[in-house]
Amino acid sequence: MAELILPAGAVGRNPRVNGVRLRDIPSIAPIPSSGDGKIRYSVGSGTYEFELR
């Protein structure tokens, strides 16, 4: 497992993984906020291509 960390503003930029919306990928799960202005996700093993629009 790995942890993906994005700035909070990135969510509004429609992040995608391998062309699919981040929230629609079952192997990527949100981690509860720590209040530091960042959004964290737990990412399963694999190869990913991340994109912010």
PDB file of N, CA and C in Angstrom:
ATOM      1  N   MET A   1       0.832  -1.189   0.000  1.00  0.00           N
ATOM      2  CA  MET A   1       0.000   0.000   0.000  1.00  0.00           C
ATOM      3  C   MET A   1       0.877   1.253   0.000  1.00  0.00           C
ATOM      4  N   ALA A   2       0.331   2.285  -0.586  1.00  0.00           N
ATOM      5  CA  ALA A   2       0.995   3.586  -0.610  1.00  0.00           C
ATOM      6  C   ALA A   2      -0.031   4.640  -0.211  1.00  0.00           C
ATOM      7  N   GLU A   3       0.453   5.827   0.099  1.00  0.00           N
ATOM      8  CA  GLU A   3      -0.435   6.927   0.462  1.00  0.00           C
ATOM      9  C   GLU A   3      -0.266   8.041  -0.565  1.00  0.00           C
ATOM     10  N   LEU A   4      -1.358   8.429  -1.195  1.00  0.00           N
ATOM     11  CA  LEU A   4      -1.386   9.543  -2.135  1.00  0.00           C
ATOM     12  C   LEU A   4      -1.832  10.768  -1.363  1.00  0.00           C
ATOM     13  N   ILE A   5      -1.061  11.853  -1.436  1.00  0.00           N
ATOM     14  CA  ILE A   5      -1.400  13.089  -0.726  1.00  0.00           C
ATOM     15  C   ILE A   5      -1.590  14.197  -1.750  1.00  0.00           C
ATOM     16  N   LEU A   6      -2.772  14.820  -1.716  1.00  0.00           N
ATOM     17  CA  LEU A   6      -3.097  15.920  -2.630  1.00  0.00           C
ATOM     18  C   LEU A   6      -3.470  17.152  -1.824  1.00  0.00           C
ATOM     19  N   PRO A   7      -3.177  18.359  -2.340  1.00  0.00           N
ATOM     20  CA  PRO A   7      -3.673  19.558  -1.686  1.00  0.00           C
ATOM     21  C   PRO A   7      -5.202  19.565  -1.766  1.00  0.00           C
ATOM     22  N   ALA A   8      -5.856  20.121  -0.765  1.00  0.00           N
ATOM     23  CA  ALA A   8      -7.320  20.114  -0.710  1.00  0.00           C
ATOM     24  C   ALA A   8      -7.947  20.678  -1.977  1.00  0.00           C
ATOM     25  N   GLY A   9      -7.351  21.671  -2.601  1.00  0.00           N
ATOM     26  CA  GLY A   9      -7.888  22.275  -3.815  1.00  0.00           C
ATOM     27  C   GLY A   9      -7.861  21.354  -5.029  1.00  0.00           C
ATOM     28  N   ALA A  10      -7.100  20.279  -4.970  1.00  0.00           N
ATOM     29  CA  ALA A  10      -6.982  19.368  -6.110  1.00  0.00           C
ATOM     30  C   ALA A  10      -8.279  18.622  -6.383  1.00  0.00           C
ATOM     31  N   VAL A  11      -9.084  18.400  -5.372  1.00  0.00           N
ATOM     32  CA  VAL A  11     -10.322  17.647  -5.554  1.00  0.00           C
ATOM     33  C   VAL A  11     -11.255  18.379  -6.499  1.00  0.00           C
ATOM     34  N   GLY A  12     -11.291  19.682  -6.436  1.00  0.00           N
ATOM     35  CA  GLY A  12     -12.126  20.477  -7.330  1.00  0.00           C
ATOM     36  C   GLY A  12     -11.626  20.480  -8.770  1.00  0.00           C
ATOM     37  N   ARG A  13     -10.409  19.980  -8.970  1.00  0.00           N
ATOM     38  CA  ARG A  13      -9.832  19.936 -10.314  1.00  0.00           C
ATOM     39  C   ARG A  13     -10.084  18.591 -10.989  1.00  0.00           C
ATOM     40  N   ASN A  14     -11.010  17.800 -10.437  1.00  0.00           N
ATOM     41  CA  ASN A  14     -11.436  16.544 -11.036  1.00  0.00           C
ATOM     42  C   ASN A  14     -10.282  15.565 -11.258  1.00  0.00           C
ATOM     43  N   PRO A  15      -9.599  15.131 -10.186  1.00  0.00           N
ATOM     44  CA  PRO A  15      -8.488  14.197 -10.363  1.00  0.00           C
ATOM     45  C   PRO A  15      -8.947  12.886 -11.002  1.00  0.00           C
ATOM     46  N   ARG A  16      -8.106  12.378 -11.886  1.00  0.00           N
ATOM     47  CA  ARG A  16      -8.389  11.114 -12.569  1.00  0.00           C
ATOM     48  C   ARG A  16      -7.189  10.192 -12.446  1.00  0.00           C
ATOM     49  N   VAL A  17      -7.483   8.915 -12.469  1.00  0.00           N
ATOM     50  CA  VAL A  17      -6.459   7.880 -12.434  1.00  0.00           C
ATOM     51  C   VAL A  17      -6.719   6.962 -13.617  1.00  0.00           C
ATOM     52  N   ASN A  18      -5.739   6.849 -14.487  1.00  0.00           N
ATOM     53  CA  ASN A  18      -5.887   6.029 -15.683  1.00  0.00           C
ATOM     54  C   ASN A  18      -7.174   6.381 -16.449  1.00  0.00           C
ATOM     55  N   GLY A  19      -7.525   7.678 -16.468  1.00  0.00           N
ATOM     56  CA  GLY A  19      -8.685   8.156 -17.214  1.00  0.00           C
ATOM     57  C   GLY A  19     -10.016   8.052 -16.497  1.00  0.00           C
ATOM     58  N   VAL A  20     -10.031   7.536 -15.260  1.00  0.00           N
ATOM     59  CA  VAL A  20     -11.267   7.346 -14.495  1.00  0.00           C
ATOM     60  C   VAL A  20     -11.228   8.271 -13.273  1.00  0.00           C
ATOM     61  N   ARG A  21     -12.387   8.825 -12.907  1.00  0.00           N
ATOM     62  CA  ARG A  21     -12.430   9.701 -11.732  1.00  0.00           C
ATOM     63  C   ARG A  21     -11.869   8.985 -10.503  1.00  0.00           C
ATOM     64  N   LEU A  22     -11.068   9.688  -9.737  1.00  0.00           N
ATOM     65  CA  LEU A  22     -10.408   9.132  -8.558  1.00  0.00           C
ATOM     66  C   LEU A  22     -11.396   8.437  -7.633  1.00  0.00           C
ATOM     67  N   ARG A  23     -12.543   9.056  -7.395  1.00  0.00           N
ATOM     68  CA  ARG A  23     -13.516   8.494  -6.450  1.00  0.00           C
ATOM     69  C   ARG A  23     -14.179   7.215  -6.963  1.00  0.00           C
ATOM     70  N   ASP A  24     -14.009   6.901  -8.251  1.00  0.00           N
ATOM     71  CA  ASP A  24     -14.616   5.703  -8.834  1.00  0.00           C
ATOM     72  C   ASP A  24     -13.664   4.508  -8.897  1.00  0.00           C
ATOM     73  N   ILE A  25     -12.476   4.631  -8.317  1.00  0.00           N
ATOM     74  CA  ILE A  25     -11.491   3.553  -8.343  1.00  0.00           C
ATOM     75  C   ILE A  25     -11.557   2.808  -7.003  1.00  0.00           C
ATOM     76  N   PRO A  26     -12.013   1.547  -6.985  1.00  0.00           N
ATOM     77  CA  PRO A  26     -12.171   0.830  -5.719  1.00  0.00           C
ATOM     78  C   PRO A  26     -10.860   0.578  -4.970  1.00  0.00           C
ATOM     79  N   SER A  27      -9.723   0.520  -5.655  1.00  0.00           N
ATOM     80  CA  SER A  27      -8.454   0.250  -4.972  1.00  0.00           C
ATOM     81  C   SER A  27      -7.830   1.507  -4.365  1.00  0.00           C
ATOM     82  N   ILE A  28      -8.515   2.656  -4.504  1.00  0.00           N
ATOM     83  CA  ILE A  28      -8.047   3.912  -3.918  1.00  0.00           C
ATOM     84  C   ILE A  28      -9.128   4.400  -2.952  1.00  0.00           C
ATOM     85  N   ALA A  29      -8.785   4.419  -1.657  1.00  0.00           N
ATOM     86  CA  ALA A  29      -9.775   4.771  -0.634  1.00  0.00           C
ATOM     87  C   ALA A  29      -9.335   6.017   0.133  1.00  0.00           C
ATOM     88  N   PRO A  30     -10.273   6.929   0.416  1.00  0.00           N
ATOM     89  CA  PRO A  30      -9.914   8.118   1.193  1.00  0.00           C
ATOM     90  C   PRO A  30      -9.514   7.742   2.612  1.00  0.00           C
ATOM     91  N   ILE A  31      -8.566   8.485   3.151  1.00  0.00           N
ATOM     92  CA  ILE A  31      -8.126   8.347   4.542  1.00  0.00           C
ATOM     93  C   ILE A  31      -8.687   9.554   5.282  1.00  0.00           C
ATOM     94  N   PRO A  32      -9.228   9.370   6.488  1.00  0.00           N
ATOM     95  CA  PRO A  32      -9.784  10.507   7.233  1.00  0.00           C
ATOM     96  C   PRO A  32      -8.794  11.672   7.335  1.00  0.00           C
ATOM     97  N   SER A  33      -9.324  12.885   7.238  1.00  0.00           N
ATOM     98  CA  SER A  33      -8.524  14.098   7.258  1.00  0.00           C
ATOM     99  C   SER A  33      -7.792  14.284   8.579  1.00  0.00           C
ATOM    100  N   SER A  34      -6.567  14.811   8.463  1.00  0.00           N
ATOM    101  CA  SER A  34      -5.794  15.135   9.662  1.00  0.00           C
ATOM    102  C   SER A  34      -5.834  16.636   9.949  1.00  0.00           C
ATOM    103  N   GLY A  35      -6.623  17.380   9.140  1.00  0.00           N
ATOM    104  CA  GLY A  35      -6.789  18.813   9.365  1.00  0.00           C
ATOM    105  C   GLY A  35      -5.625  19.665   8.901  1.00  0.00           C
ATOM    106  N   ASP A  36      -4.748  19.133   8.053  1.00  0.00           N
ATOM    107  CA  ASP A  36      -3.584  19.898   7.601  1.00  0.00           C
ATOM    108  C   ASP A  36      -3.765  20.508   6.201  1.00  0.00           C
ATOM    109  N   GLY A  37      -4.996  20.498   5.685  1.00  0.00           N
ATOM    110  CA  GLY A  37      -5.261  21.081   4.379  1.00  0.00           C
ATOM    111  C   GLY A  37      -4.917  20.165   3.222  1.00  0.00           C
ATOM    112  N   LYS A  38      -4.687  18.899   3.513  1.00  0.00           N
ATOM    113  CA  LYS A  38      -4.358  17.938   2.465  1.00  0.00           C
ATOM    114  C   LYS A  38      -5.358  16.790   2.496  1.00  0.00           C
ATOM    115  N   ILE A  39      -5.542  16.161   1.358  1.00  0.00           N
ATOM    116  CA  ILE A  39      -6.443  15.020   1.252  1.00  0.00           C
ATOM    117  C   ILE A  39      -5.589  13.798   0.975  1.00  0.00           C
ATOM    118  N   ARG A  40      -5.834  12.749   1.736  1.00  0.00           N
ATOM    119  CA  ARG A  40      -5.029  11.533   1.619  1.00  0.00           C
ATOM    120  C   ARG A  40      -5.873  10.363   1.144  1.00  0.00           C
ATOM    121  N   TYR A  41      -5.221   9.504   0.357  1.00  0.00           N
ATOM    122  CA  TYR A  41      -5.862   8.287  -0.139  1.00  0.00           C
ATOM    123  C   TYR A  41      -4.909   7.114   0.066  1.00  0.00           C
ATOM    124  N   SER A  42      -5.473   5.983   0.393  1.00  0.00           N
ATOM    125  CA  SER A  42      -4.732   4.737   0.451  1.00  0.00           C
ATOM    126  C   SER A  42      -4.805   4.126  -0.951  1.00  0.00           C
ATOM    127  N   VAL A  43      -3.651   3.795  -1.510  1.00  0.00           N
ATOM    128  CA  VAL A  43      -3.583   3.296  -2.882  1.00  0.00           C
ATOM    129  C   VAL A  43      -3.035   1.877  -2.883  1.00  0.00           C
ATOM    130  N   GLY A  44      -3.785   0.970  -3.476  1.00  0.00           N
ATOM    131  CA  GLY A  44      -3.337  -0.410  -3.586  1.00  0.00           C
ATOM    132  C   GLY A  44      -2.208  -0.543  -4.595  1.00  0.00           C
ATOM    133  N   SER A  45      -1.594  -1.731  -4.630  1.00  0.00           N
ATOM    134  CA  SER A  45      -0.484  -1.946  -5.547  1.00  0.00           C
ATOM    135  C   SER A  45      -0.956  -1.870  -6.996  1.00  0.00           C
ATOM    136  N   GLY A  46      -0.051  -1.481  -7.857  1.00  0.00           N
ATOM    137  CA  GLY A  46      -0.378  -1.379  -9.270  1.00  0.00           C
ATOM    138  C   GLY A  46       0.348  -0.219  -9.925  1.00  0.00           C
ATOM    139  N   THR A  47       0.028   0.026 -11.164  1.00  0.00           N
ATOM    140  CA  THR A  47       0.617   1.140 -11.918  1.00  0.00           C
ATOM    141  C   THR A  47      -0.505   2.131 -12.208  1.00  0.00           C
ATOM    142  N   TYR A  48      -0.251   3.386 -11.863  1.00  0.00           N
ATOM    143  CA  TYR A  48      -1.275   4.412 -12.005  1.00  0.00           C
ATOM    144  C   TYR A  48      -0.711   5.617 -12.751  1.00  0.00           C
ATOM    145  N   GLU A  49      -1.585   6.285 -13.496  1.00  0.00           N
ATOM    146  CA  GLU A  49      -1.250   7.552 -14.119  1.00  0.00           C
ATOM    147  C   GLU A  49      -2.262   8.574 -13.605  1.00  0.00           C
ATOM    148  N   PHE A  50      -1.782   9.534 -12.829  1.00  0.00           N
ATOM    149  CA  PHE A  50      -2.648  10.534 -12.209  1.00  0.00           C
ATOM    150  C   PHE A  50      -2.722  11.779 -13.074  1.00  0.00           C
ATOM    151  N   GLU A  51      -3.909  12.390 -13.101  1.00  0.00           N
ATOM    152  CA  GLU A  51      -4.138  13.579 -13.917  1.00  0.00           C
ATOM    153  C   GLU A  51      -5.062  14.545 -13.181  1.00  0.00           C
ATOM    154  N   LEU A  52      -4.682  15.819 -13.171  1.00  0.00           N
ATOM    155  CA  LEU A  52      -5.539  16.883 -12.637  1.00  0.00           C
ATOM    156  C   LEU A  52      -5.914  17.778 -13.805  1.00  0.00           C
ATOM    157  N   ARG A  53      -7.203  18.085 -13.935  1.00  0.00           N
ATOM    158  CA  ARG A  53      -7.665  18.927 -15.044  1.00  0.00           C
ATOM    159  C   ARG A  53      -7.954  20.307 -14.561  1.00  0.00           C
TER     160      ARG A  53
END
